[in-house]
C-alpha atoms as a PDB file:
ATOM      1  CA  MET A   1     101.399  87.222 110.616  1.00  0.00           C
ATOM      2  CA  SER A   2     101.415  85.673 107.251  1.00  0.00           C
ATOM      3  CA  SER A   3     102.731  87.678 104.380  1.00  0.00           C
ATOM      4  CA  HIS A   4     100.545  85.891 101.703  1.00  0.00           C
ATOM      5  CA  VAL A   5      97.892  88.011 100.305  1.00  0.00           C
ATOM      6  CA  MET A   6      95.118  87.221  98.006  1.00  0.00           C
ATOM      7  CA  LEU A   7      94.246  90.212  95.518  1.00  0.00           C
ATOM      8  CA  SER A   8      90.935  90.284  93.431  1.00  0.00           C
ATOM      9  CA  HIS A   9      90.684  92.739  90.672  1.00  0.00           C
ATOM     10  CA  HIS A  10      87.339  92.887  88.658  1.00  0.00           C
ATOM     11  CA  THR A  11      86.961  95.267  85.543  1.00  0.00           C
ATOM     12  CA  ARG A  12      83.669  95.737  83.580  1.00  0.00           C
ATOM     13  CA  TYR A  13      82.798  97.424  80.609  1.00  0.00           C
ATOM     14  CA  GLN A  14      79.188  97.966  79.948  1.00  0.00           C
ATOM     15  CA  TYR A  15      77.960  99.023  76.487  1.00  0.00           C
ATOM     16  CA  ASP A  16      74.798 100.940  75.602  1.00  0.00           C
ATOM     17  CA  ARG A  17      74.053  98.290  72.718  1.00  0.00           C
ATOM     18  CA  PRO A  18      75.662  95.020  71.483  1.00  0.00           C
ATOM     19  CA  VAL A  19      79.103  95.843  69.746  1.00  0.00           C
ATOM     20  CA  PHE A  20      81.728  94.099  67.981  1.00  0.00           C
ATOM     21  CA  LEU A  21      84.990  93.977  69.852  1.00  0.00           C
ATOM     22  CA  GLY A  22      88.375  93.686  68.026  1.00  0.00           C
ATOM     23  CA  PRO A  23      91.095  91.679  69.548  1.00  0.00           C
ATOM     24  CA  GLN A  24      91.439  92.757  73.173  1.00  0.00           C
ATOM     25  CA  THR A  25      94.948  92.726  74.689  1.00  0.00           C
ATOM     26  CA  ILE A  26      95.047  92.366  78.288  1.00  0.00           C
ATOM     27  CA  ARG A  27      98.243  93.086  80.441  1.00  0.00           C
ATOM     28  CA  LEU A  28      97.481  91.906  84.110  1.00  0.00           C
ATOM     29  CA  ARG A  29      99.696  89.313  84.656  1.00  0.00           C
ATOM     30  CA  PRO A  30     102.624  89.784  87.118  1.00  0.00           C
ATOM     31  CA  VAL A  31     105.963  89.960  84.983  1.00  0.00           C
ATOM     32  CA  ALA A  32     108.106  86.833  85.027  1.00  0.00           C
ATOM     33  CA  THR A  33     110.939  89.067  86.756  1.00  0.00           C
ATOM     34  CA  SER A  34     108.908  90.451  89.458  1.00  0.00           C
ATOM     35  CA  LYS A  35     110.754  90.743  92.797  1.00  0.00           C
ATOM     36  CA  THR A  36     107.438  90.013  94.814  1.00  0.00           C
ATOM     37  CA  PRO A  37     106.667  86.217  94.439  1.00  0.00           C
ATOM     38  CA  VAL A  38     103.414  85.426  93.077  1.00  0.00           C
ATOM     39  CA  ARG A  39     102.320  82.024  94.060  1.00  0.00           C
ATOM     40  CA  ALA A  40      98.950  81.475  92.092  1.00  0.00           C
ATOM     41  CA  TYR A  41      97.310  83.478  89.328  1.00  0.00           C
ATOM     42  CA  ALA A  42      94.012  83.210  87.542  1.00  0.00           C
ATOM     43  CA  LEU A  43      92.469  85.423  84.656  1.00  0.00           C
ATOM     44  CA  ARG A  44      88.862  84.847  83.993  1.00  0.00           C
ATOM     45  CA  ILE A  45      87.013  86.526  80.953  1.00  0.00           C
ATOM     46  CA  ALA A  46      83.249  87.017  80.100  1.00  0.00           C
ATOM     47  CA  PRO A  47      81.105  86.698  78.166  1.00  0.00           C
ATOM     48  CA  PRO A  48      82.527  83.493  76.255  1.00  0.00           C
ATOM     49  CA  TYR A  49      85.047  84.059  73.840  1.00  0.00           C
ATOM     50  CA  SER A  50      86.054  82.378  70.626  1.00  0.00           C
ATOM     51  CA  GLN A  51      89.971  82.584  71.370  1.00  0.00           C
ATOM     52  CA  GLN A  52      92.332  83.428  73.954  1.00  0.00           C
ATOM     53  CA  THR A  53      96.163  83.095  73.616  1.00  0.00           C
ATOM     54  CA  TRP A  54      99.024  84.283  75.783  1.00  0.00           C
ATOM     55  CA  GLN A  55     102.134  85.583  74.487  1.00  0.00           C
ATOM     56  CA  ARG A  56     105.501  87.303  75.688  1.00  0.00           C
ATOM     57  CA  ASP A  57     105.798  90.782  74.109  1.00  0.00           C
ATOM     58  CA  VAL A  58     109.012  92.296  72.873  1.00  0.00           C
ATOM     59  CA  TYR A  59     109.579  93.882  76.359  1.00  0.00           C
ATOM     60  CA  GLY A  60     109.193  90.617  78.373  1.00  0.00           C
ATOM     61  CA  ASN A  61     105.773  90.961  79.512  1.00  0.00           C
ATOM     62  CA  ASP A  62     103.203  88.260  79.449  1.00  0.00           C
ATOM     63  CA  VAL A  63      99.870  89.309  77.787  1.00  0.00           C
ATOM     64  CA  ALA A  64      96.647  87.725  76.938  1.00  0.00           C
ATOM     65  CA  GLN A  65      94.929  88.411  73.589  1.00  0.00           C
ATOM     66  CA  VAL A  66      91.070  87.703  73.551  1.00  0.00           C
ATOM     67  CA  VAL A  67      89.019  87.355  70.303  1.00  0.00           C
ATOM     68  CA  PHE A  68      84.938  87.346  70.315  1.00  0.00           C
ATOM     69  CA  ALA A  69      83.122  86.258  67.664  1.00  0.00           C
ATOM     70  CA  ASP A  70      79.912  87.630  68.313  1.00  0.00           C
ATOM     71  CA  ARG A  71      78.567  91.001  69.449  1.00  0.00           C
ATOM     72  CA  VAL A  72      78.782  91.809  73.246  1.00  0.00           C
ATOM     73  CA  THR A  73      76.954  94.149  75.521  1.00  0.00           C
ATOM     74  CA  HIS A  74      79.498  93.887  78.140  1.00  0.00           C
ATOM     75  CA  PHE A  75      83.276  92.862  78.784  1.00  0.00           C
ATOM     76  CA  ASP A  76      84.285  91.540  81.967  1.00  0.00           C
ATOM     77  CA  ILE A  77      87.984  90.678  83.301  1.00  0.00           C
ATOM     78  CA  THR A  78      88.608  89.142  86.552  1.00  0.00           C
ATOM     79  CA  VAL A  79      92.154  88.706  87.913  1.00  0.00           C
ATOM     80  CA  GLN A  80      92.953  86.703  91.186  1.00  0.00           C
ATOM     81  CA  LEU A  81      96.404  86.210  92.346  1.00  0.00           C
ATOM     82  CA  GLU A  82      98.229  85.113  95.432  1.00  0.00           C
ATOM     83  CA  ALA A  83     101.430  87.193  96.323  1.00  0.00           C
ATOM     84  CA  ASP A  84     104.010  86.799  99.067  1.00  0.00           C
ATOM     85  CA  LEU A  85     104.497  90.403 100.450  1.00  0.00           C
ATOM     86  CA  ALA A  86     107.212  89.295 102.939  1.00  0.00           C
ATOM     87  CA  PRO A  87     109.094  92.504 103.429  1.00  0.00           C
ATOM     88  CA  ARG A  88     112.345  93.041 101.493  1.00  0.00           C
ATOM     89  CA  ASN A  89     115.159  95.469 101.160  1.00  0.00           C
ATOM     90  CA  PRO A  90     114.656  97.715  98.037  1.00  0.00           C
ATOM     91  CA  PHE A  91     118.381  98.594  98.472  1.00  0.00           C
ATOM     92  CA  ASP A  92     119.578  94.894  98.552  1.00  0.00           C
ATOM     93  CA  PHE A  93     121.877  95.419  95.388  1.00  0.00           C
ATOM     94  CA  VAL A  94     125.485  96.486  94.878  1.00  0.00           C
ATOM     95  CA  LEU A  95     126.786  98.954  92.604  1.00  0.00           C
ATOM     96  CA  THR A  96     130.407  98.390  91.140  1.00  0.00           C
ATOM     97  CA  PRO A  97     132.769 101.171  91.318  1.00  0.00           C
ATOM     98  CA  ASP A  98     132.480 102.247  87.791  1.00  0.00           C
ATOM     99  CA  VAL A  99     128.388 102.826  88.441  1.00  0.00           C
ATOM    100  CA  ALA A 100     128.919 104.362  91.726  1.00  0.00           C
ATOM    101  CA  GLN A 101     129.281 107.808  90.712  1.00  0.00           C
ATOM    102  CA  TRP A 102     127.498 109.526  87.463  1.00  0.00           C
ATOM    103  CA  VAL A 103     128.662 112.294  85.240  1.00  0.00           C
ATOM    104  CA  SER A 104     127.331 115.555  86.992  1.00  0.00           C
ATOM    105  CA  PRO A 105     126.882 118.925  85.645  1.00  0.00           C
ATOM    106  CA  ALA A 106     129.807 120.141  87.880  1.00  0.00           C
ATOM    107  CA  ASP A 107     132.275 117.624  86.252  1.00  0.00           C
ATOM    108  CA  ARG A 108     133.633 119.485  83.122  1.00  0.00           C
ATOM    109  CA  ASN A 109     136.229 116.705  82.522  1.00  0.00           C
ATOM    110  CA  SER A 110     135.867 114.462  79.419  1.00  0.00           C
ATOM    111  CA  ALA A 111     133.614 111.353  79.759  1.00  0.00           C
ATOM    112  CA  SER A 112     135.193 108.811  77.785  1.00  0.00           C
ATOM    113  CA  GLY A 113     132.985 106.384  75.787  1.00  0.00           C
ATOM    114  CA  CYS A 114     130.108 108.802  75.575  1.00  0.00           C
ATOM    115  CA  VAL A 115     127.725 108.175  72.519  1.00  0.00           C
ATOM    116  CA  GLY A 116     128.251 110.994  69.921  1.00  0.00           C
ATOM    117  CA  MET A 117     130.081 113.621  72.479  1.00  0.00           C
ATOM    118  CA  GLN A 118     133.382 113.772  74.566  1.00  0.00           C
ATOM    119  CA  GLN A 119     132.248 116.225  76.988  1.00  0.00           C
ATOM    120  CA  SER A 120     130.708 115.250  80.176  1.00  0.00           C
ATOM    121  CA  LEU A 121     127.347 116.492  81.304  1.00  0.00           C
ATOM    122  CA  GLY A 122     129.194 119.470  82.478  1.00  0.00           C
ATOM    123  CA  GLY A 123     127.408 122.686  80.994  1.00  0.00           C
ATOM    124  CA  VAL A 124     124.010 121.103  80.789  1.00  0.00           C
ATOM    125  CA  THR A 125     122.714 123.590  78.459  1.00  0.00           C
ATOM    126  CA  GLN A 126     125.452 123.547  75.846  1.00  0.00           C
ATOM    127  CA  SER A 127     126.038 120.079  75.857  1.00  0.00           C
ATOM    128  CA  MET A 128     122.747 118.587  76.126  1.00  0.00           C
ATOM    129  CA  ASN A 129     121.287 121.208  73.473  1.00  0.00           C
ATOM    130  CA  MET A 130     124.180 120.005  71.007  1.00  0.00           C
ATOM    131  CA  ALA A 131     123.307 116.247  71.659  1.00  0.00           C
ATOM    132  CA  HIS A 132     119.508 116.948  70.879  1.00  0.00           C
ATOM    133  CA  ALA A 133     120.567 119.079  67.620  1.00  0.00           C
ATOM    134  CA  ALA A 134     122.443 116.307  66.532  1.00  0.00           C
ATOM    135  CA  ASN A 135     119.741 113.750  67.445  1.00  0.00           C
ATOM    136  CA  VAL A 136     122.200 111.756  69.562  1.00  0.00           C
ATOM    137  CA  SER A 137     121.168 110.610  73.039  1.00  0.00           C
ATOM    138  CA  PHE A 138     123.580 111.378  75.912  1.00  0.00           C
ATOM    139  CA  ARG A 139     124.512 108.073  77.986  1.00  0.00           C
ATOM    140  CA  GLN A 140     126.044 107.783  81.349  1.00  0.00           C
ATOM    141  CA  PRO A 141     129.729 106.375  80.546  1.00  0.00           C
ATOM    142  CA  PHE A 142     129.241 103.341  82.622  1.00  0.00           C
ATOM    143  CA  TYR A 143     126.633 101.766  80.074  1.00  0.00           C
ATOM    144  CA  GLN A 144     129.520 101.820  77.437  1.00  0.00           C
ATOM    145  CA  THR A 145     131.249  98.986  79.092  1.00  0.00           C
ATOM    146  CA  MET A 146     128.034  96.709  78.845  1.00  0.00           C
ATOM    147  CA  PRO A 147     128.215  94.069  76.364  1.00  0.00           C
ATOM    148  CA  ASP A 148     124.336  93.925  75.982  1.00  0.00           C
ATOM    149  CA  ALA A 149     123.882  97.757  76.112  1.00  0.00           C
ATOM    150  CA  ALA A 150     122.075  97.676  72.550  1.00  0.00           C
ATOM    151  CA  GLU A 151     119.482  95.840  74.391  1.00  0.00           C
ATOM    152  CA  LEU A 152     118.444  99.108  76.255  1.00  0.00           C
ATOM    153  CA  SER A 153     118.280 101.238  73.205  1.00  0.00           C
ATOM    154  CA  ASP A 154     114.583 101.881  73.548  1.00  0.00           C
ATOM    155  CA  TYR A 155     114.730 102.915  77.060  1.00  0.00           C
ATOM    156  CA  TRP A 156     117.154 106.058  76.120  1.00  0.00           C
ATOM    157  CA  GLN A 157     114.694 107.530  73.602  1.00  0.00           C
ATOM    158  CA  SER A 158     114.767 111.079  74.792  1.00  0.00           C
ATOM    159  CA  THR A 159     111.339 112.980  75.114  1.00  0.00           C
ATOM    160  CA  SER A 160     111.730 116.811  74.189  1.00  0.00           C
ATOM    161  CA  LEU A 161     112.020 118.683  77.488  1.00  0.00           C
ATOM    162  CA  GLY A 162     109.935 121.872  77.772  1.00  0.00           C
ATOM    163  CA  PRO A 163     111.456 125.137  79.174  1.00  0.00           C
ATOM    164  CA  THR A 164     110.097 124.542  82.418  1.00  0.00           C
ATOM    165  CA  VAL A 165     111.349 120.933  82.841  1.00  0.00           C
ATOM    166  CA  ARG A 166     114.650 121.988  81.494  1.00  0.00           C
ATOM    167  CA  ALA A 167     115.029 124.802  84.167  1.00  0.00           C
ATOM    168  CA  PHE A 168     114.072 122.451  86.909  1.00  0.00           C
ATOM    169  CA  VAL A 169     116.837 120.058  85.894  1.00  0.00           C
ATOM    170  CA  GLN A 170     119.419 122.538  85.466  1.00  0.00           C
ATOM    171  CA  GLU A 171     118.884 124.042  88.884  1.00  0.00           C
ATOM    172  CA  TRP A 172     118.386 120.596  90.541  1.00  0.00           C
ATOM    173  CA  ALA A 173     121.405 119.131  89.010  1.00  0.00           C
ATOM    174  CA  GLN A 174     123.714 121.941  90.456  1.00  0.00           C
ATOM    175  CA  LYS A 175     123.296 120.535  93.793  1.00  0.00           C
ATOM    176  CA  ALA A 176     122.996 116.792  93.000  1.00  0.00           C
ATOM    177  CA  PRO A 177     125.027 114.311  94.873  1.00  0.00           C
ATOM    178  CA  ALA A 178     127.868 113.001  93.003  1.00  0.00           C
ATOM    179  CA  ASP A 179     126.994 109.342  94.212  1.00  0.00           C
ATOM    180  CA  THR A 180     124.780 107.602  91.552  1.00  0.00           C
ATOM    181  CA  LEU A 181     122.242 105.981  94.063  1.00  0.00           C
ATOM    182  CA  GLU A 182     122.122 109.017  96.415  1.00  0.00           C
ATOM    183  CA  MET A 183     121.390 111.177  93.329  1.00  0.00           C
ATOM    184  CA  LEU A 184     118.402 109.018  92.063  1.00  0.00           C
ATOM    185  CA  VAL A 185     116.914 108.877  95.535  1.00  0.00           C
ATOM    186  CA  ALA A 186     117.146 112.433  95.847  1.00  0.00           C
ATOM    187  CA  LEU A 187     115.632 113.176  92.336  1.00  0.00           C
ATOM    188  CA  ASN A 188     112.853 110.768  93.115  1.00  0.00           C
ATOM    189  CA  ARG A 189     111.905 112.565  96.392  1.00  0.00           C
ATOM    190  CA  ALA A 190     112.316 116.029  94.564  1.00  0.00           C
ATOM    191  CA  ILE A 191     109.799 114.886  92.210  1.00  0.00           C
ATOM    192  CA  ALA A 192     107.317 113.441  94.708  1.00  0.00           C
ATOM    193  CA  ALA A 193     107.815 117.013  96.696  1.00  0.00           C
ATOM    194  CA  GLN A 194     107.024 118.905  93.578  1.00  0.00           C
ATOM    195  CA  ILE A 195     103.950 117.041  92.183  1.00  0.00           C
ATOM    196  CA  GLY A 196     101.003 116.623  94.240  1.00  0.00           C
ATOM    197  CA  TYR A 197      99.177 113.390  93.751  1.00  0.00           C
ATOM    198  CA  GLN A 198      95.620 113.452  92.173  1.00  0.00           C
ATOM    199  CA  VAL A 199      93.271 110.606  91.118  1.00  0.00           C
ATOM    200  CA  ARG A 200      92.958 110.997  87.283  1.00  0.00           C
ATOM    201  CA  LEU A 201      90.447 108.814  85.644  1.00  0.00           C
ATOM    202  CA  GLU A 202      90.547 110.183  82.191  1.00  0.00           C
ATOM    203  CA  PRO A 203      92.847 108.099  79.768  1.00  0.00           C
ATOM    204  CA  GLY A 204      96.486 109.448  78.561  1.00  0.00           C
ATOM    205  CA  ILE A 205      99.523 110.646  80.068  1.00  0.00           C
ATOM    206  CA  TRP A 206     100.335 114.385  80.519  1.00  0.00           C
ATOM    207  CA  SER A 207     103.521 115.773  79.104  1.00  0.00           C
ATOM    208  CA  PRO A 208     106.461 116.074  81.459  1.00  0.00           C
ATOM    209  CA  GLU A 209     106.034 119.999  80.822  1.00  0.00           C
ATOM    210  CA  GLU A 210     102.410 120.010  81.801  1.00  0.00           C
ATOM    211  CA  THR A 211     102.893 117.986  84.823  1.00  0.00           C
ATOM    212  CA  LEU A 212     105.532 120.247  86.221  1.00  0.00           C
ATOM    213  CA  LEU A 213     103.556 123.367  85.198  1.00  0.00           C
ATOM    214  CA  ARG A 214     100.503 122.069  87.142  1.00  0.00           C
ATOM    215  CA  GLY A 215     102.605 120.999  90.092  1.00  0.00           C
ATOM    216  CA  THR A 216      99.935 117.983  90.255  1.00  0.00           C
ATOM    217  CA  GLY A 217      99.253 114.830  88.330  1.00  0.00           C
ATOM    218  CA  SER A 218      98.377 111.178  88.626  1.00  0.00           C
ATOM    219  CA  CYS A 219     100.899 108.433  89.448  1.00  0.00           C
ATOM    220  CA  ARG A 220     101.678 107.879  85.731  1.00  0.00           C
ATOM    221  CA  ASP A 221     102.107 111.460  85.008  1.00  0.00           C
ATOM    222  CA  SER A 222     104.611 112.021  87.551  1.00  0.00           C
ATOM    223  CA  ALA A 223     106.473 108.568  86.777  1.00  0.00           C
ATOM    224  CA  TRP A 224     106.763 109.834  83.061  1.00  0.00           C
ATOM    225  CA  LEU A 225     108.266 113.258  84.181  1.00  0.00           C
ATOM    226  CA  LEU A 226     111.013 111.336  86.251  1.00  0.00           C
ATOM    227  CA  ILE A 227     111.457 108.880  83.066  1.00  0.00           C
ATOM    228  CA  ALA A 228     112.022 112.088  81.017  1.00  0.00           C
ATOM    229  CA  ILE A 229     114.451 113.687  83.065  1.00  0.00           C
ATOM    230  CA  LEU A 230     116.319 110.473  83.544  1.00  0.00           C
ATOM    231  CA  ARG A 231     116.669 109.886  79.966  1.00  0.00           C
ATOM    232  CA  HIS A 232     117.911 113.615  79.619  1.00  0.00           C
ATOM    233  CA  LEU A 233     120.786 112.745  82.227  1.00  0.00           C
ATOM    234  CA  GLY A 234     121.720 109.669  80.330  1.00  0.00           C
ATOM    235  CA  PHE A 235     120.149 107.010  82.223  1.00  0.00           C
ATOM    236  CA  ALA A 236     118.200 103.991  80.830  1.00  0.00           C
ATOM    237  CA  ALA A 237     114.560 104.360  81.967  1.00  0.00           C
ATOM    238  CA  ARG A 238     111.215 102.704  81.726  1.00  0.00           C
ATOM    239  CA  PHE A 239     107.671 103.058  82.739  1.00  0.00           C
ATOM    240  CA  VAL A 240     105.921 100.212  84.759  1.00  0.00           C
ATOM    241  CA  SER A 241     102.402  99.865  85.549  1.00  0.00           C
ATOM    242  CA  GLY A 242     101.246  97.341  88.230  1.00  0.00           C
ATOM    243  CA  TYR A 243      99.501  96.735  91.623  1.00  0.00           C
ATOM    244  CA  LEU A 244     100.430  98.472  94.584  1.00  0.00           C
ATOM    245  CA  VAL A 245      99.259  96.606  97.893  1.00  0.00           C
ATOM    246  CA  GLN A 246      99.471  98.479 101.131  1.00  0.00           C
ATOM    247  CA  ALA A 247      98.686  98.027 104.716  1.00  0.00           C
ATOM    248  CA  SER A 248      97.411 100.370 107.172  1.00  0.00           C
ATOM    249  CA  ARG A 249      95.378 100.664 110.541  1.00  0.00           C
ATOM    250  CA  ASN A 250      91.655 101.606 110.883  1.00  0.00           C
ATOM    251  CA  ALA A 251      90.242 103.724 113.756  1.00  0.00           C
ATOM    252  CA  VAL A 252      90.148 100.662 115.941  1.00  0.00           C
ATOM    253  CA  GLY A 253      93.606  99.478 115.130  1.00  0.00           C
ATOM    254  CA  GLU A 254      92.801  96.692 112.722  1.00  0.00           C
ATOM    255  CA  GLU A 255      94.988  96.242 109.817  1.00  0.00           C
ATOM    256  CA  VAL A 256      93.300  97.041 106.484  1.00  0.00           C
ATOM    257  CA  LEU A 257      94.821  96.215 103.036  1.00  0.00           C
ATOM    258  CA  THR A 258      94.302  98.290 100.269  1.00  0.00           C
ATOM    259  CA  CYS A 259      95.036  97.674  96.441  1.00  0.00           C
ATOM    260  CA  ASP A 260      95.188 100.119  93.328  1.00  0.00           C
ATOM    261  CA  LEU A 261      96.434 100.033  90.027  1.00  0.00           C
ATOM    262  CA  HIS A 262      99.515 101.980  89.881  1.00  0.00           C
ATOM    263  CA  ALA A 263     102.686 103.339  87.975  1.00  0.00           C
ATOM    264  CA  TRP A 264     106.346 104.021  88.621  1.00  0.00           C
ATOM    265  CA  ALA A 265     109.549 104.485  86.896  1.00  0.00           C
ATOM    266  CA  GLU A 266     112.612 102.127  86.735  1.00  0.00           C
ATOM    267  CA  THR A 267     116.219 102.713  85.715  1.00  0.00           C
ATOM    268  CA  PHE A 268     118.844 100.231  84.672  1.00  0.00           C
ATOM    269  CA  LEU A 269     121.959 100.243  86.599  1.00  0.00           C
ATOM    270  CA  PRO A 270     124.690  97.907  85.668  1.00  0.00           C
ATOM    271  CA  SER A 271     125.263  95.229  88.510  1.00  0.00           C
ATOM    272  CA  ALA A 272     122.259  95.973  90.110  1.00  0.00           C
ATOM    273  CA  GLY A 273     119.461  95.604  87.117  1.00  0.00           C
ATOM    274  CA  TRP A 274     116.361  97.564  87.066  1.00  0.00           C
ATOM    275  CA  VAL A 275     115.651  99.703  90.099  1.00  0.00           C
ATOM    276  CA  GLY A 276     112.099 101.102  90.898  1.00  0.00           C
ATOM    277  CA  PHE A 277     111.372 104.605  91.930  1.00  0.00           C
ATOM    278  CA  ASP A 278     107.641 105.618  93.177  1.00  0.00           C
ATOM    279  CA  THR A 279     107.304 109.258  92.485  1.00  0.00           C
ATOM    280  CA  THR A 280     104.196 109.237  94.385  1.00  0.00           C
ATOM    281  CA  SER A 281     105.842 108.074  97.729  1.00  0.00           C
ATOM    282  CA  GLY A 282     109.312 109.357  96.885  1.00  0.00           C
ATOM    283  CA  LEU A 283     110.549 105.724  97.877  1.00  0.00           C
ATOM    284  CA  LEU A 284     112.221 102.917  96.042  1.00  0.00           C
ATOM    285  CA  THR A 285     109.651 100.194  95.132  1.00  0.00           C
ATOM    286  CA  ALA A 286     109.325  97.245  97.516  1.00  0.00           C
ATOM    287  CA  GLN A 287     107.359  94.198  98.233  1.00  0.00           C
ATOM    288  CA  GLY A 288     103.831  95.731  97.895  1.00  0.00           C
ATOM    289  CA  HIS A 289     104.748  96.587  94.226  1.00  0.00           C
ATOM    290  CA  VAL A 290     103.619  94.043  91.642  1.00  0.00           C
ATOM    291  CA  PRO A 291     104.814  94.925  88.277  1.00  0.00           C
ATOM    292  CA  LEU A 292     102.231  93.867  85.361  1.00  0.00           C
ATOM    293  CA  ALA A 293     103.863  95.693  82.406  1.00  0.00           C
ATOM    294  CA  ALA A 294     107.424  97.516  81.907  1.00  0.00           C
ATOM    295  CA  THR A 295     107.715  99.442  78.418  1.00  0.00           C
ATOM    296  CA  PRO A 296     109.723 102.349  77.079  1.00  0.00           C
ATOM    297  CA  GLN A 297     106.344 104.010  76.561  1.00  0.00           C
ATOM    298  CA  PRO A 298     103.258 104.390  78.980  1.00  0.00           C
ATOM    299  CA  GLU A 299     100.813 103.867  76.066  1.00  0.00           C
ATOM    300  CA  HIS A 300     102.271 100.298  75.549  1.00  0.00           C
ATOM    301  CA  ALA A 301     101.738  99.449  79.339  1.00  0.00           C
ATOM    302  CA  ALA A 302      97.951 100.086  79.394  1.00  0.00           C
ATOM    303  CA  PRO A 303      96.177  97.407  81.170  1.00  0.00           C
ATOM    304  CA  VAL A 304      93.663  96.724  78.383  1.00  0.00           C
ATOM    305  CA  SER A 305      93.824  97.936  74.863  1.00  0.00           C
ATOM    306  CA  GLY A 306      91.723  96.933  71.715  1.00  0.00           C
ATOM    307  CA  LEU A 307      89.205  98.511  69.172  1.00  0.00           C
ATOM    308  CA  LEU A 308      85.469  98.375  69.517  1.00  0.00           C
ATOM    309  CA  ASP A 309      82.492  99.744  67.854  1.00  0.00           C
ATOM    310  CA  GLN A 310      81.294 103.366  68.538  1.00  0.00           C
ATOM    311  CA  CYS A 311      79.102 103.229  71.525  1.00  0.00           C
ATOM    312  CA  GLN A 312      78.630 104.665  74.939  1.00  0.00           C
ATOM    313  CA  ALA A 313      80.476 102.572  77.740  1.00  0.00           C
ATOM    314  CA  VAL A 314      80.454 102.372  81.574  1.00  0.00           C
ATOM    315  CA  PHE A 315      83.579 101.486  83.241  1.00  0.00           C
ATOM    316  CA  ASP A 316      83.536  99.987  86.685  1.00  0.00           C
ATOM    317  CA  VAL A 317      86.466  98.522  88.505  1.00  0.00           C
ATOM    318  CA  SER A 318      86.894  96.970  92.161  1.00  0.00           C
ATOM    319  CA  MET A 319      89.819  95.598  93.982  1.00  0.00           C
ATOM    320  CA  GLN A 320      90.366  94.016  97.235  1.00  0.00           C
ATOM    321  CA  ALA A 321      93.096  92.398  98.899  1.00  0.00           C
ATOM    322  CA  GLN A 322      93.136  90.121 102.127  1.00  0.00           C
ATOM    323  CA  ARG A 323      95.770  88.301 103.923  1.00  0.00           C
ATOM    324  CA  LEU A 324      95.812  84.589 103.806  1.00  0.00           C
ATOM    325  CA  PHE A 325      96.505  82.620 107.103  1.00  0.00           C
ATOM    326  CA  ILE A 326      98.377  79.505 106.304  1.00  0.00           C
ATOM    327  CA  ASN A 327      98.229  76.765 108.490  1.00  0.00           C
ATOM    328  CA  ALA A 328     102.251  75.821 108.889  1.00  0.00           C
ATOM    329  CA  ASP A 329     101.266  72.043 109.935  1.00  0.00           C
ATOM    330  CA  CYS A 330      99.639  71.405 106.537  1.00  0.00           C
END
């Protein structure tokens, strides 16, 4: 069966009166570094605009900016793309020996090369509180040998953890595996088990504390919770928004493809690069995850952002995916 899939995504903002739109920024183009090959891409905007430009932002995302000269009563965005969803092994990378183990709370030996402190992560409460008090972020020692580590500085920016999250981290870390990859996989599964998934249409991200207290949240809420914990533990981590394409079987056994806007977390591991963790499924990201924007903060990854006149707006979105059957003789 062909692994090529055509995805169609239509978004419409319908306004109750003619309004002026400020420049609109659209982050709906797969990133150049996507591990899922994108064979074709098209973006269509309506009504007619006066200017459309493409640029690559400081985080490496391709974003479109659209300017309308006249008032509009609606704003339509249509994306069509062809992606190759051939199965790939999400564990297809190798960690060098210096990355294979992380500095755990049980390890009270000195961690050479840590920024701003010489103790390891041992004694989470004391060590991490000291780091926050000095406004210094703890980093895993293996980042210190990276020649370009400074480029990751935005992805270490700590989010202040509330008491519930801090208690969760301290209790969980006591039994965490010493192996770096095993620990990350286990932490991702723990978040997925702790946070029930819910569809949340209102904008914004809940704080890590609120998400853990509620025990439920959207994909973006649980992803942000994992990112906060990873940064707290000294890992560089970022927020990713994108498409998730999945296959299932209907009642008569026919394959059905679904597509949704989704969010997940990535952490940077030297020798492996950015590795994705889906906090909704508890799995690593694979061929069905098509990243559109990867940023230090969730608000910088919004699919569409921009100013408009005060008005009442109705938002409508539709997505569909279908498998393409390619004639091998062509």
